[in-house]
Amino acid sequence: MARKLGAGTPPRVNFVCAVEGHWTAYRPCTPAPRRSWHALAMIARIWRGATKADRAQDYLEYLRGTGIADYAATPGNHGVEVLMRTQGDRTDFTLITYWDSIEAVKRFAGDPPEVARFYPEDDDYLIDRELTAEHHEVAKIRRS
C-alpha cells in the first residue's frame, strides 16, 4: 500500500535562523526573540551611479583614491559600503556612507548636503548618475 507523502513526518520547522553575524542553516531554530527598533545617532547617505561593465573595477579603484579616501578623512564618517550589480554591459554602484550627523555629512558634501559631490574624472567613468544623495536615519534592531 502506498504511503501518503508526508505522513508520519514531524511538522515543518523553520530551518533558517535569523542572521546574527553568520549564516545558520539545516538545523531547527528556536523562534527569534521579539525585537524592537532603536534609532541610533547616525545618518546613512546613499548615492547611485553606473559605469560600463568593463570599467567597473577601474571605477572602484578610482573611488578608493577619491571619494572613499575623502570619506575616511572627514571627521564624523563611520565607513562606506560599495554595492555593485552588473547586468549586461552596465554595472550599477550604490554607495552607502555612515555619519555621526547631518553636520558631518555637510563637512564632506557641503551645504545643501543633498547635492552629490563629484570629482574631475567622474565623467570618464560614469554613464549614469544621480545628482542628489538620500539621507536616512539608521535604526538598529536590539533584543527586547
C-alpha atoms as a PDB file:
ATOM      1  CA  MET A   1       0.000   0.000   0.000  1.00  0.00           C
ATOM      2  CA  ALA A   2       1.311   3.443  -0.920  1.00  0.00           C
ATOM      3  CA  ARG A   3       2.086   5.740   1.957  1.00  0.00           C
ATOM      4  CA  LYS A   4       0.717   9.279   1.823  1.00  0.00           C
ATOM      5  CA  LEU A   5       3.513  11.777   1.169  1.00  0.00           C
ATOM      6  CA  GLY A   6       4.458  13.463   4.419  1.00  0.00           C
ATOM      7  CA  ALA A   7       2.552  11.017   6.596  1.00  0.00           C
ATOM      8  CA  GLY A   8       4.307  10.314   9.844  1.00  0.00           C
ATOM      9  CA  THR A   9       6.796  13.147   9.431  1.00  0.00           C
ATOM     10  CA  PRO A  10       7.086  15.832  12.062  1.00  0.00           C
ATOM     11  CA  PRO A  11       5.694  19.277  11.272  1.00  0.00           C
ATOM     12  CA  ARG A  12       7.990  21.564   9.319  1.00  0.00           C
ATOM     13  CA  VAL A  13      10.428  23.579  11.347  1.00  0.00           C
ATOM     14  CA  ASN A  14      11.989  26.874  10.354  1.00  0.00           C
ATOM     15  CA  PHE A  15      15.418  25.652   9.208  1.00  0.00           C
ATOM     16  CA  VAL A  16      16.997  29.062   8.633  1.00  0.00           C
ATOM     17  CA  CYS A  17      17.736  31.129  11.722  1.00  0.00           C
ATOM     18  CA  ALA A  18      17.975  34.876  11.814  1.00  0.00           C
ATOM     19  CA  VAL A  19      21.366  36.010  10.597  1.00  0.00           C
ATOM     20  CA  GLU A  20      23.444  37.175  13.549  1.00  0.00           C
ATOM     21  CA  GLY A  21      26.903  37.683  12.106  1.00  0.00           C
ATOM     22  CA  HIS A  22      26.943  34.267  10.443  1.00  0.00           C
ATOM     23  CA  TRP A  23      24.627  32.048   8.411  1.00  0.00           C
ATOM     24  CA  THR A  24      22.891  29.225  10.227  1.00  0.00           C
ATOM     25  CA  ALA A  25      21.042  26.619   8.199  1.00  0.00           C
ATOM     26  CA  TYR A  26      19.995  22.969   8.180  1.00  0.00           C
ATOM     27  CA  ARG A  27      19.217  22.719  11.832  1.00  0.00           C
ATOM     28  CA  PRO A  28      15.996  23.558  13.620  1.00  0.00           C
ATOM     29  CA  CYS A  29      15.891  27.055  15.028  1.00  0.00           C
ATOM     30  CA  THR A  30      14.050  28.360  18.004  1.00  0.00           C
ATOM     31  CA  PRO A  31      11.840  31.355  17.302  1.00  0.00           C
ATOM     32  CA  ALA A  32      13.766  34.619  17.362  1.00  0.00           C
ATOM     33  CA  PRO A  33      13.115  36.728  20.437  1.00  0.00           C
ATOM     34  CA  ARG A  34      10.950  39.807  19.991  1.00  0.00           C
ATOM     35  CA  ARG A  35      12.944  42.746  18.793  1.00  0.00           C
ATOM     36  CA  SER A  36      12.394  46.436  18.717  1.00  0.00           C
ATOM     37  CA  TRP A  37      13.828  49.246  16.632  1.00  0.00           C
ATOM     38  CA  HIS A  38      16.054  51.761  18.357  1.00  0.00           C
ATOM     39  CA  ALA A  39      17.192  54.826  16.463  1.00  0.00           C
ATOM     40  CA  LEU A  40      20.922  55.383  16.522  1.00  0.00           C
ATOM     41  CA  ALA A  41      22.548  58.770  16.339  1.00  0.00           C
ATOM     42  CA  MET A  42      23.766  58.029  12.836  1.00  0.00           C
ATOM     43  CA  ILE A  43      22.927  59.085   9.281  1.00  0.00           C
ATOM     44  CA  ALA A  44      23.256  56.927   6.167  1.00  0.00           C
ATOM     45  CA  ARG A  45      23.963  58.792   2.927  1.00  0.00           C
ATOM     46  CA  ILE A  46      23.065  56.877  -0.247  1.00  0.00           C
ATOM     47  CA  TRP A  47      24.223  57.743  -3.763  1.00  0.00           C
ATOM     48  CA  ARG A  48      23.887  55.781  -7.013  1.00  0.00           C
ATOM     49  CA  GLY A  49      25.741  55.810 -10.319  1.00  0.00           C
ATOM     50  CA  ALA A  50      26.611  53.433 -13.153  1.00  0.00           C
ATOM     51  CA  THR A  51      29.563  52.565 -15.368  1.00  0.00           C
ATOM     52  CA  LYS A  52      30.063  50.326 -18.360  1.00  0.00           C
ATOM     53  CA  ALA A  53      30.580  46.801 -17.024  1.00  0.00           C
ATOM     54  CA  ASP A  54      34.089  46.535 -18.437  1.00  0.00           C
ATOM     55  CA  ARG A  55      35.104  49.695 -16.499  1.00  0.00           C
ATOM     56  CA  ALA A  56      33.595  48.722 -13.133  1.00  0.00           C
ATOM     57  CA  GLN A  57      36.819  47.557 -11.465  1.00  0.00           C
ATOM     58  CA  ASP A  58      38.673  50.617 -12.766  1.00  0.00           C
ATOM     59  CA  TYR A  59      35.956  52.853 -11.313  1.00  0.00           C
ATOM     60  CA  LEU A  60      36.129  51.034  -7.982  1.00  0.00           C
ATOM     61  CA  GLU A  61      39.888  51.697  -7.822  1.00  0.00           C
ATOM     62  CA  TYR A  62      39.267  55.327  -8.779  1.00  0.00           C
ATOM     63  CA  LEU A  63      36.671  55.584  -5.963  1.00  0.00           C
ATOM     64  CA  ARG A  64      39.223  54.278  -3.463  1.00  0.00           C
ATOM     65  CA  GLY A  65      41.535  57.152  -4.320  1.00  0.00           C
ATOM     66  CA  THR A  66      38.895  59.885  -4.434  1.00  0.00           C
ATOM     67  CA  GLY A  67      35.535  59.652  -2.680  1.00  0.00           C
ATOM     68  CA  ILE A  68      36.319  56.782  -0.323  1.00  0.00           C
ATOM     69  CA  ALA A  69      39.588  58.428   0.744  1.00  0.00           C
ATOM     70  CA  ASP A  70      37.742  61.720   1.309  1.00  0.00           C
ATOM     71  CA  TYR A  71      35.020  59.975   3.345  1.00  0.00           C
ATOM     72  CA  ALA A  72      37.653  58.452   5.623  1.00  0.00           C
ATOM     73  CA  ALA A  73      39.423  61.800   6.036  1.00  0.00           C
ATOM     74  CA  THR A  74      36.217  63.615   7.057  1.00  0.00           C
ATOM     75  CA  PRO A  75      35.557  63.813  10.818  1.00  0.00           C
ATOM     76  CA  GLY A  76      32.307  62.081  11.698  1.00  0.00           C
ATOM     77  CA  ASN A  77      32.473  59.398   8.978  1.00  0.00           C
ATOM     78  CA  HIS A  78      31.967  55.811  10.137  1.00  0.00           C
ATOM     79  CA  GLY A  79      32.686  53.966   6.908  1.00  0.00           C
ATOM     80  CA  VAL A  80      31.346  53.147   3.493  1.00  0.00           C
ATOM     81  CA  GLU A  81      29.760  50.189   1.745  1.00  0.00           C
ATOM     82  CA  VAL A  82      30.014  49.906  -2.030  1.00  0.00           C
ATOM     83  CA  LEU A  83      27.334  47.747  -3.622  1.00  0.00           C
ATOM     84  CA  MET A  84      27.835  46.669  -7.239  1.00  0.00           C
ATOM     85  CA  ARG A  85      25.419  44.936  -9.602  1.00  0.00           C
ATOM     86  CA  THR A  86      26.309  44.047 -13.178  1.00  0.00           C
ATOM     87  CA  GLN A  87      23.553  43.443 -15.684  1.00  0.00           C
ATOM     88  CA  GLY A  88      24.589  43.107 -19.291  1.00  0.00           C
ATOM     89  CA  ASP A  89      27.064  45.808 -20.221  1.00  0.00           C
ATOM     90  CA  ARG A  90      26.245  48.056 -17.228  1.00  0.00           C
ATOM     91  CA  THR A  91      27.375  47.984 -13.585  1.00  0.00           C
ATOM     92  CA  ASP A  92      25.297  49.891 -11.052  1.00  0.00           C
ATOM     93  CA  PHE A  93      27.010  51.288  -7.969  1.00  0.00           C
ATOM     94  CA  THR A  94      25.290  52.161  -4.714  1.00  0.00           C
ATOM     95  CA  LEU A  95      27.463  53.880  -2.131  1.00  0.00           C
ATOM     96  CA  ILE A  96      26.230  53.958   1.448  1.00  0.00           C
ATOM     97  CA  THR A  97      28.226  56.056   3.873  1.00  0.00           C
ATOM     98  CA  TYR A  98      27.628  56.373   7.610  1.00  0.00           C
ATOM     99  CA  TRP A  99      27.923  59.649   9.511  1.00  0.00           C
ATOM    100  CA  ASP A 100      27.602  60.994  13.061  1.00  0.00           C
ATOM    101  CA  SER A 101      25.152  63.679  11.989  1.00  0.00           C
ATOM    102  CA  ILE A 102      23.942  65.765   9.088  1.00  0.00           C
ATOM    103  CA  GLU A 103      26.590  68.301  10.104  1.00  0.00           C
ATOM    104  CA  ALA A 104      29.270  65.662   9.473  1.00  0.00           C
ATOM    105  CA  VAL A 105      27.725  64.992   6.046  1.00  0.00           C
ATOM    106  CA  LYS A 106      27.953  68.727   5.292  1.00  0.00           C
ATOM    107  CA  ARG A 107      31.673  68.669   6.121  1.00  0.00           C
ATOM    108  CA  PHE A 108      32.065  66.200   3.252  1.00  0.00           C
ATOM    109  CA  ALA A 109      29.355  67.256   0.776  1.00  0.00           C
ATOM    110  CA  GLY A 110      28.850  70.923   1.519  1.00  0.00           C
ATOM    111  CA  ASP A 111      25.543  72.691   2.008  1.00  0.00           C
ATOM    112  CA  PRO A 112      22.963  71.642   0.948  1.00  0.00           C
ATOM    113  CA  PRO A 113      24.046  68.064   1.772  1.00  0.00           C
ATOM    114  CA  GLU A 114      21.574  66.525  -0.699  1.00  0.00           C
ATOM    115  CA  VAL A 115      23.684  67.651  -3.661  1.00  0.00           C
ATOM    116  CA  ALA A 116      26.018  64.873  -4.807  1.00  0.00           C
ATOM    117  CA  ARG A 117      29.746  65.582  -4.818  1.00  0.00           C
ATOM    118  CA  PHE A 118      31.657  64.725  -7.992  1.00  0.00           C
ATOM    119  CA  TYR A 119      35.331  64.555  -8.944  1.00  0.00           C
ATOM    120  CA  PRO A 120      37.028  65.702 -12.173  1.00  0.00           C
ATOM    121  CA  GLU A 121      37.433  62.238 -13.739  1.00  0.00           C
ATOM    122  CA  ASP A 122      33.911  61.005 -12.881  1.00  0.00           C
ATOM    123  CA  ASP A 123      32.820  61.893 -16.415  1.00  0.00           C
ATOM    124  CA  ASP A 124      35.378  59.396 -17.766  1.00  0.00           C
ATOM    125  CA  TYR A 125      33.715  56.526 -15.890  1.00  0.00           C
ATOM    126  CA  LEU A 126      30.049  57.279 -15.225  1.00  0.00           C
ATOM    127  CA  ILE A 127      27.397  56.615 -17.857  1.00  0.00           C
ATOM    128  CA  ASP A 128      24.589  57.458 -15.442  1.00  0.00           C
ATOM    129  CA  ARG A 129      24.487  59.157 -12.044  1.00  0.00           C
ATOM    130  CA  GLU A 130      22.140  60.627  -9.511  1.00  0.00           C
ATOM    131  CA  LEU A 131      22.733  64.311  -8.929  1.00  0.00           C
ATOM    132  CA  THR A 132      21.469  64.072  -5.370  1.00  0.00           C
ATOM    133  CA  ALA A 133      22.048  61.788  -2.400  1.00  0.00           C
ATOM    134  CA  GLU A 134      19.461  60.439   0.049  1.00  0.00           C
ATOM    135  CA  HIS A 135      19.877  60.693   3.801  1.00  0.00           C
ATOM    136  CA  HIS A 136      18.291  58.256   6.247  1.00  0.00           C
ATOM    137  CA  GLU A 137      18.381  57.798   9.995  1.00  0.00           C
ATOM    138  CA  VAL A 138      19.938  54.462  10.891  1.00  0.00           C
ATOM    139  CA  ALA A 139      17.973  52.124  13.151  1.00  0.00           C
ATOM    140  CA  LYS A 140      19.323  49.043  14.846  1.00  0.00           C
ATOM    141  CA  ILE A 141      17.379  46.023  15.979  1.00  0.00           C
ATOM    142  CA  ARG A 142      18.054  45.210  19.619  1.00  0.00           C
ATOM    143  CA  ARG A 143      16.757  42.295  21.591  1.00  0.00           C
ATOM    144  CA  SER A 144      13.977  43.319  23.941  1.00  0.00           C
END
